[in-house]
Amino acid sequence: MDDKTTALVTGANKGIGYAIAEQLGATGMRVLVGARSDTGREEAVERLRASGVDAHGVRLDVTSDESVADAAAEVEERFGRLDVLVNNAGISGPFDPVTWTQDPTTLDLDVVRQVVDVNVYGVVRVTNAMLPLLRRSPAPRIVNASSSMGSLGREPGPVMAAYAPSKTFLNGITTQYARAFADTPIIVNAACPGLVATDFNGFSGDRSAAQGAATAVRLATLPDDGPRGGFFEDADVVPW
């Protein structure tokens, strides 16, 4: 085990996740690209290495207990510890292509289960599996990729009856982790990237992936006296 800071970013093969990995790598961190797709993961690692990032791929399906356990074992075997975990992987679930909404009155519960399994259970699954490795770090950081659509105080955007509540749930989980880690070096926060133009939303956002990654990167590199259990977009606190 060396002293190089190691960061794992889930869903890092494209979009905001890739941009987070790229920006963390630019700070000198070793970056682990966690992704389910072998092809996408390998291509992302190649691109990152071409830009000078110390990048490595880790096969990771956040919905699979076995896959997550295998990923944790691989990280331990290859690198010994983990310093930064960015839980970026997420899905919206199907929505009306005309109105860009998920109508709660016609919502398929299987869609809700699928979205929550990735956006919430996946975060818990990965975080808990990686915790023994994070505890070996002198300054562990966890960032959960949320959305202002999960804010009960702000309620932006269209009605998204599966996606938005999943982010509300994630925000609640983030605060509980922060309470559990209150007397430890582990700092956990939630980050909203803003409306980013990616394939997640049909490239309809007003921000680039690089701009959307900035908040998560800032939270992943907080000093020891940085905020805990917060929800941030840029430099602003997002109301729960």
C-alpha atoms as a PDB file:
ATOM      1  CA  MET A   1       0.000   0.000   0.000  1.00  0.00           C
ATOM      2  CA  ASP A   2       1.395   3.414  -0.988  1.00  0.00           C
ATOM      3  CA  ASP A   3       0.453   6.877   0.269  1.00  0.00           C
ATOM      4  CA  LYS A   4      -1.331   7.999  -2.882  1.00  0.00           C
ATOM      5  CA  THR A   5      -4.905   9.137  -2.338  1.00  0.00           C
ATOM      6  CA  THR A   6      -7.323   6.711  -3.969  1.00  0.00           C
ATOM      7  CA  ALA A   7     -10.829   7.666  -5.085  1.00  0.00           C
ATOM      8  CA  LEU A   8     -13.614   5.392  -6.315  1.00  0.00           C
ATOM      9  CA  VAL A   9     -16.311   6.973  -8.471  1.00  0.00           C
ATOM     10  CA  THR A  10     -19.338   4.834  -9.305  1.00  0.00           C
ATOM     11  CA  GLY A  11     -20.915   5.299 -12.716  1.00  0.00           C
ATOM     12  CA  ALA A  12     -17.690   6.937 -13.873  1.00  0.00           C
ATOM     13  CA  ASN A  13     -17.654   5.623 -17.422  1.00  0.00           C
ATOM     14  CA  LYS A  14     -19.518   8.650 -18.817  1.00  0.00           C
ATOM     15  CA  GLY A  15     -21.189  11.967 -18.104  1.00  0.00           C
ATOM     16  CA  ILE A  16     -20.818  13.634 -14.737  1.00  0.00           C
ATOM     17  CA  GLY A  17     -19.147  10.576 -13.219  1.00  0.00           C
ATOM     18  CA  TYR A  18     -16.420  10.652 -15.837  1.00  0.00           C
ATOM     19  CA  ALA A  19     -15.920  14.381 -15.287  1.00  0.00           C
ATOM     20  CA  ILE A  20     -15.631  13.835 -11.525  1.00  0.00           C
ATOM     21  CA  ALA A  21     -13.032  11.124 -12.098  1.00  0.00           C
ATOM     22  CA  GLU A  22     -11.122  13.366 -14.489  1.00  0.00           C
ATOM     23  CA  GLN A  23     -11.078  16.317 -12.100  1.00  0.00           C
ATOM     24  CA  LEU A  24     -10.101  14.219  -9.085  1.00  0.00           C
ATOM     25  CA  GLY A  25      -7.342  12.676 -11.175  1.00  0.00           C
ATOM     26  CA  ALA A  26      -6.112  16.143 -12.090  1.00  0.00           C
ATOM     27  CA  THR A  27      -5.486  16.804  -8.383  1.00  0.00           C
ATOM     28  CA  GLY A  28      -3.082  13.868  -8.318  1.00  0.00           C
ATOM     29  CA  MET A  29      -5.427  11.228  -6.968  1.00  0.00           C
ATOM     30  CA  ARG A  30      -5.495   7.669  -8.194  1.00  0.00           C
ATOM     31  CA  VAL A  31      -8.969   7.224  -9.668  1.00  0.00           C
ATOM     32  CA  LEU A  32     -10.944   3.996  -9.784  1.00  0.00           C
ATOM     33  CA  VAL A  33     -13.620   3.934 -12.478  1.00  0.00           C
ATOM     34  CA  GLY A  34     -16.497   1.897 -11.090  1.00  0.00           C
ATOM     35  CA  ALA A  35     -18.861   0.792 -13.844  1.00  0.00           C
ATOM     36  CA  ARG A  36     -21.012  -2.164 -14.828  1.00  0.00           C
ATOM     37  CA  SER A  37     -20.171  -2.062 -18.536  1.00  0.00           C
ATOM     38  CA  ASP A  38     -16.807  -3.668 -19.291  1.00  0.00           C
ATOM     39  CA  THR A  39     -16.479  -1.810 -22.582  1.00  0.00           C
ATOM     40  CA  GLY A  40     -17.522   1.545 -21.168  1.00  0.00           C
ATOM     41  CA  ARG A  41     -15.250   1.155 -18.170  1.00  0.00           C
ATOM     42  CA  GLU A  42     -12.212   0.199 -20.239  1.00  0.00           C
ATOM     43  CA  GLU A  43     -12.776   3.046 -22.691  1.00  0.00           C
ATOM     44  CA  ALA A  44     -13.105   5.539 -19.835  1.00  0.00           C
ATOM     45  CA  VAL A  45      -9.868   4.320 -18.248  1.00  0.00           C
ATOM     46  CA  GLU A  46      -8.052   4.659 -21.566  1.00  0.00           C
ATOM     47  CA  ARG A  47      -9.322   8.214 -22.058  1.00  0.00           C
ATOM     48  CA  LEU A  48      -8.385   9.215 -18.527  1.00  0.00           C
ATOM     49  CA  ARG A  49      -4.908   7.760 -18.853  1.00  0.00           C
ATOM     50  CA  ALA A  50      -4.468   9.589 -22.149  1.00  0.00           C
ATOM     51  CA  SER A  51      -5.135  12.839 -20.274  1.00  0.00           C
ATOM     52  CA  GLY A  52      -2.528  11.983 -17.643  1.00  0.00           C
ATOM     53  CA  VAL A  53      -4.789  10.546 -14.942  1.00  0.00           C
ATOM     54  CA  ASP A  54      -3.716   7.516 -12.897  1.00  0.00           C
ATOM     55  CA  ALA A  55      -6.905   5.580 -13.680  1.00  0.00           C
ATOM     56  CA  HIS A  56      -7.933   1.983 -13.043  1.00  0.00           C
ATOM     57  CA  GLY A  57     -11.143   0.111 -13.758  1.00  0.00           C
ATOM     58  CA  VAL A  58     -13.237  -1.731 -11.184  1.00  0.00           C
ATOM     59  CA  ARG A  59     -16.181  -3.855 -12.286  1.00  0.00           C
ATOM     60  CA  LEU A  60     -19.119  -2.674 -10.216  1.00  0.00           C
ATOM     61  CA  ASP A  61     -22.883  -3.153 -10.415  1.00  0.00           C
ATOM     62  CA  VAL A  62     -24.340  -1.172  -7.511  1.00  0.00           C
ATOM     63  CA  THR A  63     -27.519  -3.294  -7.528  1.00  0.00           C
ATOM     64  CA  SER A  64     -25.642  -6.547  -6.887  1.00  0.00           C
ATOM     65  CA  ASP A  65     -24.415  -7.558  -3.436  1.00  0.00           C
ATOM     66  CA  GLU A  66     -21.955  -9.981  -5.010  1.00  0.00           C
ATOM     67  CA  SER A  67     -20.563  -7.432  -7.455  1.00  0.00           C
ATOM     68  CA  VAL A  68     -20.119  -4.814  -4.741  1.00  0.00           C
ATOM     69  CA  ALA A  69     -18.412  -7.302  -2.409  1.00  0.00           C
ATOM     70  CA  ASP A  70     -16.091  -8.375  -5.215  1.00  0.00           C
ATOM     71  CA  ALA A  71     -15.273  -4.732  -5.972  1.00  0.00           C
ATOM     72  CA  ALA A  72     -14.405  -4.050  -2.330  1.00  0.00           C
ATOM     73  CA  ALA A  73     -12.165  -7.124  -2.247  1.00  0.00           C
ATOM     74  CA  GLU A  74     -10.442  -5.988  -5.440  1.00  0.00           C
ATOM     75  CA  VAL A  75      -9.818  -2.487  -4.103  1.00  0.00           C
ATOM     76  CA  GLU A  76      -8.380  -3.930  -0.899  1.00  0.00           C
ATOM     77  CA  GLU A  77      -6.127  -6.364  -2.727  1.00  0.00           C
ATOM     78  CA  ARG A  78      -4.815  -3.838  -5.236  1.00  0.00           C
ATOM     79  CA  PHE A  79      -4.661  -0.631  -3.212  1.00  0.00           C
ATOM     80  CA  GLY A  80      -5.061  -1.473   0.476  1.00  0.00           C
ATOM     81  CA  ARG A  81      -7.425   1.341   1.365  1.00  0.00           C
ATOM     82  CA  LEU A  82      -9.868   3.881  -0.039  1.00  0.00           C
ATOM     83  CA  ASP A  83      -9.745   7.611   0.661  1.00  0.00           C
ATOM     84  CA  VAL A  84     -12.644   8.991  -1.360  1.00  0.00           C
ATOM     85  CA  LEU A  85     -15.949   7.425  -2.394  1.00  0.00           C
ATOM     86  CA  VAL A  86     -18.222   9.271  -4.809  1.00  0.00           C
ATOM     87  CA  ASN A  87     -21.583   7.527  -5.117  1.00  0.00           C
ATOM     88  CA  ASN A  88     -22.445   8.912  -8.532  1.00  0.00           C
ATOM     89  CA  ALA A  89     -24.290   6.026 -10.219  1.00  0.00           C
ATOM     90  CA  GLY A  90     -27.970   6.804 -10.688  1.00  0.00           C
ATOM     91  CA  ILE A  91     -30.974   6.411 -12.961  1.00  0.00           C
ATOM     92  CA  SER A  92     -34.137   8.391 -13.594  1.00  0.00           C
ATOM     93  CA  GLY A  93     -36.392   5.554 -14.671  1.00  0.00           C
ATOM     94  CA  PRO A  94     -38.747   5.849 -17.671  1.00  0.00           C
ATOM     95  CA  PHE A  95     -40.617   9.123 -18.124  1.00  0.00           C
ATOM     96  CA  ASP A  96     -43.053  10.637 -20.605  1.00  0.00           C
ATOM     97  CA  PRO A  97     -40.919  11.768 -23.572  1.00  0.00           C
ATOM     98  CA  VAL A  98     -43.303  14.622 -24.368  1.00  0.00           C
ATOM     99  CA  THR A  99     -43.887  16.139 -20.926  1.00  0.00           C
ATOM    100  CA  TRP A 100     -40.666  14.867 -19.310  1.00  0.00           C
ATOM    101  CA  THR A 101     -42.658  13.731 -16.283  1.00  0.00           C
ATOM    102  CA  GLN A 102     -43.368  10.670 -14.182  1.00  0.00           C
ATOM    103  CA  ASP A 103     -47.050  10.861 -13.263  1.00  0.00           C
ATOM    104  CA  PRO A 104     -47.658   9.536  -9.730  1.00  0.00           C
ATOM    105  CA  THR A 105     -51.231   8.571 -10.676  1.00  0.00           C
ATOM    106  CA  THR A 106     -50.038   6.067 -13.280  1.00  0.00           C
ATOM    107  CA  LEU A 107     -46.678   5.146 -11.795  1.00  0.00           C
ATOM    108  CA  ASP A 108     -45.486   1.565 -12.171  1.00  0.00           C
ATOM    109  CA  LEU A 109     -44.231   0.380  -8.780  1.00  0.00           C
ATOM    110  CA  ASP A 110     -41.614  -1.763 -10.482  1.00  0.00           C
ATOM    111  CA  VAL A 111     -40.111   1.464 -11.823  1.00  0.00           C
ATOM    112  CA  VAL A 112     -40.017   2.916  -8.308  1.00  0.00           C
ATOM    113  CA  ARG A 113     -38.279  -0.200  -7.004  1.00  0.00           C
ATOM    114  CA  GLN A 114     -35.719  -0.084  -9.811  1.00  0.00           C
ATOM    115  CA  VAL A 115     -34.925   3.601  -9.284  1.00  0.00           C
ATOM    116  CA  VAL A 116     -34.636   3.270  -5.507  1.00  0.00           C
ATOM    117  CA  ASP A 117     -32.485   0.149  -5.847  1.00  0.00           C
ATOM    118  CA  VAL A 118     -29.885   2.120  -7.801  1.00  0.00           C
ATOM    119  CA  ASN A 119     -30.207   5.601  -6.307  1.00  0.00           C
ATOM    120  CA  VAL A 120     -30.590   4.660  -2.641  1.00  0.00           C
ATOM    121  CA  TYR A 121     -29.938   1.001  -1.915  1.00  0.00           C
ATOM    122  CA  GLY A 122     -26.965   1.093  -4.281  1.00  0.00           C
ATOM    123  CA  VAL A 123     -25.423   3.925  -2.285  1.00  0.00           C
ATOM    124  CA  VAL A 124     -25.916   2.084   1.004  1.00  0.00           C
ATOM    125  CA  ARG A 125     -24.644  -1.169  -0.507  1.00  0.00           C
ATOM    126  CA  VAL A 126     -21.443   0.393  -1.857  1.00  0.00           C
ATOM    127  CA  THR A 127     -20.803   2.658   1.128  1.00  0.00           C
ATOM    128  CA  ASN A 128     -21.090  -0.127   3.680  1.00  0.00           C
ATOM    129  CA  ALA A 129     -18.912  -2.479   1.633  1.00  0.00           C
ATOM    130  CA  MET A 130     -16.202   0.163   1.271  1.00  0.00           C
ATOM    131  CA  LEU A 131     -16.330   1.408   4.872  1.00  0.00           C
ATOM    132  CA  PRO A 132     -13.581  -0.886   6.197  1.00  0.00           C
ATOM    133  CA  LEU A 133     -11.279   0.486   3.491  1.00  0.00           C
ATOM    134  CA  LEU A 134     -12.327   4.096   4.102  1.00  0.00           C
ATOM    135  CA  ARG A 135     -11.608   3.701   7.815  1.00  0.00           C
ATOM    136  CA  ARG A 136      -7.962   3.010   6.910  1.00  0.00           C
ATOM    137  CA  SER A 137      -7.668   6.487   5.376  1.00  0.00           C
ATOM    138  CA  PRO A 138      -6.438   9.455   7.420  1.00  0.00           C
ATOM    139  CA  ALA A 139      -9.034  11.718   5.758  1.00  0.00           C
ATOM    140  CA  PRO A 140     -11.928   9.716   4.277  1.00  0.00           C
ATOM    141  CA  ARG A 141     -14.571  11.524   2.249  1.00  0.00           C
ATOM    142  CA  ILE A 142     -17.922  10.298   0.906  1.00  0.00           C
ATOM    143  CA  VAL A 143     -19.968  12.270  -1.614  1.00  0.00           C
ATOM    144  CA  ASN A 144     -23.469  11.210  -2.615  1.00  0.00           C
ATOM    145  CA  ALA A 145     -24.686  12.541  -5.964  1.00  0.00           C
ATOM    146  CA  SER A 146     -28.149  13.918  -5.294  1.00  0.00           C
ATOM    147  CA  SER A 147     -30.408  16.403  -7.075  1.00  0.00           C
ATOM    148  CA  SER A 148     -32.282  19.534  -6.102  1.00  0.00           C
ATOM    149  CA  MET A 149     -35.356  17.685  -7.381  1.00  0.00           C
ATOM    150  CA  GLY A 150     -35.145  15.784  -4.099  1.00  0.00           C
ATOM    151  CA  SER A 151     -35.421  19.002  -2.102  1.00  0.00           C
ATOM    152  CA  LEU A 152     -38.788  19.334  -0.345  1.00  0.00           C
ATOM    153  CA  GLY A 153     -38.113  23.027   0.130  1.00  0.00           C
ATOM    154  CA  ARG A 154     -37.248  23.862  -3.458  1.00  0.00           C
ATOM    155  CA  GLU A 155     -39.246  21.422  -5.661  1.00  0.00           C
ATOM    156  CA  PRO A 156     -37.704  22.416  -9.011  1.00  0.00           C
ATOM    157  CA  GLY A 157     -38.329  20.875 -12.420  1.00  0.00           C
ATOM    158  CA  PRO A 158     -41.180  18.679 -13.626  1.00  0.00           C
ATOM    159  CA  VAL A 159     -43.093  16.095 -11.598  1.00  0.00           C
ATOM    160  CA  MET A 160     -40.833  13.028 -11.383  1.00  0.00           C
ATOM    161  CA  ALA A 161     -42.643  10.659  -9.049  1.00  0.00           C
ATOM    162  CA  ALA A 162     -39.947   7.962  -8.975  1.00  0.00           C
ATOM    163  CA  TYR A 163     -36.727   9.923  -9.437  1.00  0.00           C
ATOM    164  CA  ALA A 164     -37.352  12.944  -7.176  1.00  0.00           C
ATOM    165  CA  PRO A 165     -38.427  10.942  -4.086  1.00  0.00           C
ATOM    166  CA  SER A 166     -35.435   8.646  -4.550  1.00  0.00           C
ATOM    167  CA  LYS A 167     -33.198  11.678  -4.123  1.00  0.00           C
ATOM    168  CA  THR A 168     -35.191  12.820  -1.087  1.00  0.00           C
ATOM    169  CA  PHE A 169     -34.583   9.351   0.358  1.00  0.00           C
ATOM    170  CA  LEU A 170     -30.880   9.628  -0.500  1.00  0.00           C
ATOM    171  CA  ASN A 171     -30.649  12.998   1.230  1.00  0.00           C
ATOM    172  CA  GLY A 172     -32.143  11.477   4.369  1.00  0.00           C
ATOM    173  CA  ILE A 173     -29.689   8.580   4.263  1.00  0.00           C
ATOM    174  CA  THR A 174     -26.827  11.071   3.861  1.00  0.00           C
ATOM    175  CA  THR A 175     -27.807  12.889   7.058  1.00  0.00           C
ATOM    176  CA  GLN A 176     -27.984   9.591   8.950  1.00  0.00           C
ATOM    177  CA  TYR A 177     -24.506   8.597   7.796  1.00  0.00           C
ATOM    178  CA  ALA A 178     -23.246  12.021   8.864  1.00  0.00           C
ATOM    179  CA  ARG A 179     -24.696  11.497  12.333  1.00  0.00           C
ATOM    180  CA  ALA A 180     -23.162   8.030  12.552  1.00  0.00           C
ATOM    181  CA  PHE A 181     -19.757   9.415  11.523  1.00  0.00           C
ATOM    182  CA  ALA A 182     -19.923  12.521  13.737  1.00  0.00           C
ATOM    183  CA  ASP A 183     -17.033  11.481  15.974  1.00  0.00           C
ATOM    184  CA  THR A 184     -14.891   9.994  13.198  1.00  0.00           C
ATOM    185  CA  PRO A 185     -12.689  11.439  10.436  1.00  0.00           C
ATOM    186  CA  ILE A 186     -15.243  10.379   7.795  1.00  0.00           C
ATOM    187  CA  ILE A 187     -16.974  13.358   6.186  1.00  0.00           C
ATOM    188  CA  VAL A 188     -20.076  12.713   4.095  1.00  0.00           C
ATOM    189  CA  ASN A 189     -22.149  15.207   2.104  1.00  0.00           C
ATOM    190  CA  ALA A 190     -24.592  15.294  -0.798  1.00  0.00           C
ATOM    191  CA  ALA A 191     -23.922  17.193  -4.030  1.00  0.00           C
ATOM    192  CA  CYS A 192     -26.311  18.560  -6.643  1.00  0.00           C
ATOM    193  CA  PRO A 193     -24.664  19.024 -10.054  1.00  0.00           C
ATOM    194  CA  GLY A 194     -27.310  21.380 -11.436  1.00  0.00           C
ATOM    195  CA  LEU A 195     -29.018  20.820 -14.778  1.00  0.00           C
ATOM    196  CA  VAL A 196     -26.249  19.141 -16.753  1.00  0.00           C
ATOM    197  CA  ALA A 197     -26.512  18.233 -20.436  1.00  0.00           C
ATOM    198  CA  THR A 198     -25.959  14.453 -20.489  1.00  0.00           C
ATOM    199  CA  ASP A 199     -27.717  11.430 -21.945  1.00  0.00           C
ATOM    200  CA  PHE A 200     -29.504  11.207 -18.589  1.00  0.00           C
ATOM    201  CA  ASN A 201     -31.804  14.064 -19.656  1.00  0.00           C
ATOM    202  CA  GLY A 202     -31.474  13.999 -23.423  1.00  0.00           C
ATOM    203  CA  PHE A 203     -28.672  16.604 -23.311  1.00  0.00           C
ATOM    204  CA  SER A 204     -31.163  19.309 -22.358  1.00  0.00           C
ATOM    205  CA  GLY A 205     -29.222  20.913 -19.507  1.00  0.00           C
ATOM    206  CA  ASP A 206     -27.503  24.296 -19.390  1.00  0.00           C
ATOM    207  CA  ARG A 207     -24.295  23.020 -17.780  1.00  0.00           C
ATOM    208  CA  SER A 208     -21.464  20.887 -19.057  1.00  0.00           C
ATOM    209  CA  ALA A 209     -20.491  17.677 -17.287  1.00  0.00           C
ATOM    210  CA  ALA A 210     -17.312  19.402 -16.115  1.00  0.00           C
ATOM    211  CA  GLN A 211     -19.333  22.202 -14.519  1.00  0.00           C
ATOM    212  CA  GLY A 212     -21.687  19.693 -12.934  1.00  0.00           C
ATOM    213  CA  ALA A 213     -18.788  17.749 -11.437  1.00  0.00           C
ATOM    214  CA  ALA A 214     -17.328  20.724  -9.576  1.00  0.00           C
ATOM    215  CA  THR A 215     -19.446  20.504  -6.416  1.00  0.00           C
ATOM    216  CA  ALA A 216     -18.751  16.795  -5.916  1.00  0.00           C
ATOM    217  CA  VAL A 217     -15.034  17.378  -6.424  1.00  0.00           C
ATOM    218  CA  ARG A 218     -15.022  20.197  -3.872  1.00  0.00           C
ATOM    219  CA  LEU A 219     -16.780  18.007  -1.312  1.00  0.00           C
ATOM    220  CA  ALA A 220     -14.425  15.104  -2.048  1.00  0.00           C
ATOM    221  CA  THR A 221     -11.437  17.297  -1.216  1.00  0.00           C
ATOM    222  CA  LEU A 222     -12.732  19.071   1.894  1.00  0.00           C
ATOM    223  CA  PRO A 223     -10.333  19.854   4.733  1.00  0.00           C
ATOM    224  CA  ASP A 224     -10.827  18.095   8.063  1.00  0.00           C
ATOM    225  CA  ASP A 225     -12.920  20.994   9.396  1.00  0.00           C
ATOM    226  CA  GLY A 226     -15.216  20.993   6.354  1.00  0.00           C
ATOM    227  CA  PRO A 227     -19.003  20.752   6.557  1.00  0.00           C
ATOM    228  CA  ARG A 228     -20.680  17.449   7.359  1.00  0.00           C
ATOM    229  CA  GLY A 229     -24.084  16.119   6.419  1.00  0.00           C
ATOM    230  CA  GLY A 230     -24.906  18.987   4.074  1.00  0.00           C
ATOM    231  CA  PHE A 231     -26.557  19.278   0.667  1.00  0.00           C
ATOM    232  CA  PHE A 232     -24.726  21.584  -1.711  1.00  0.00           C
ATOM    233  CA  GLU A 233     -24.967  23.017  -5.217  1.00  0.00           C
ATOM    234  CA  ASP A 234     -21.955  25.116  -6.181  1.00  0.00           C
ATOM    235  CA  ALA A 235     -21.163  27.133  -3.040  1.00  0.00           C
ATOM    236  CA  ASP A 236     -24.785  27.202  -1.898  1.00  0.00           C
ATOM    237  CA  VAL A 237     -26.574  25.039   0.652  1.00  0.00           C
ATOM    238  CA  VAL A 238     -29.659  23.409  -0.862  1.00  0.00           C
ATOM    239  CA  PRO A 239     -32.658  23.290   1.511  1.00  0.00           C
ATOM    240  CA  TRP A 240     -33.694  19.781   2.453  1.00  0.00           C
END
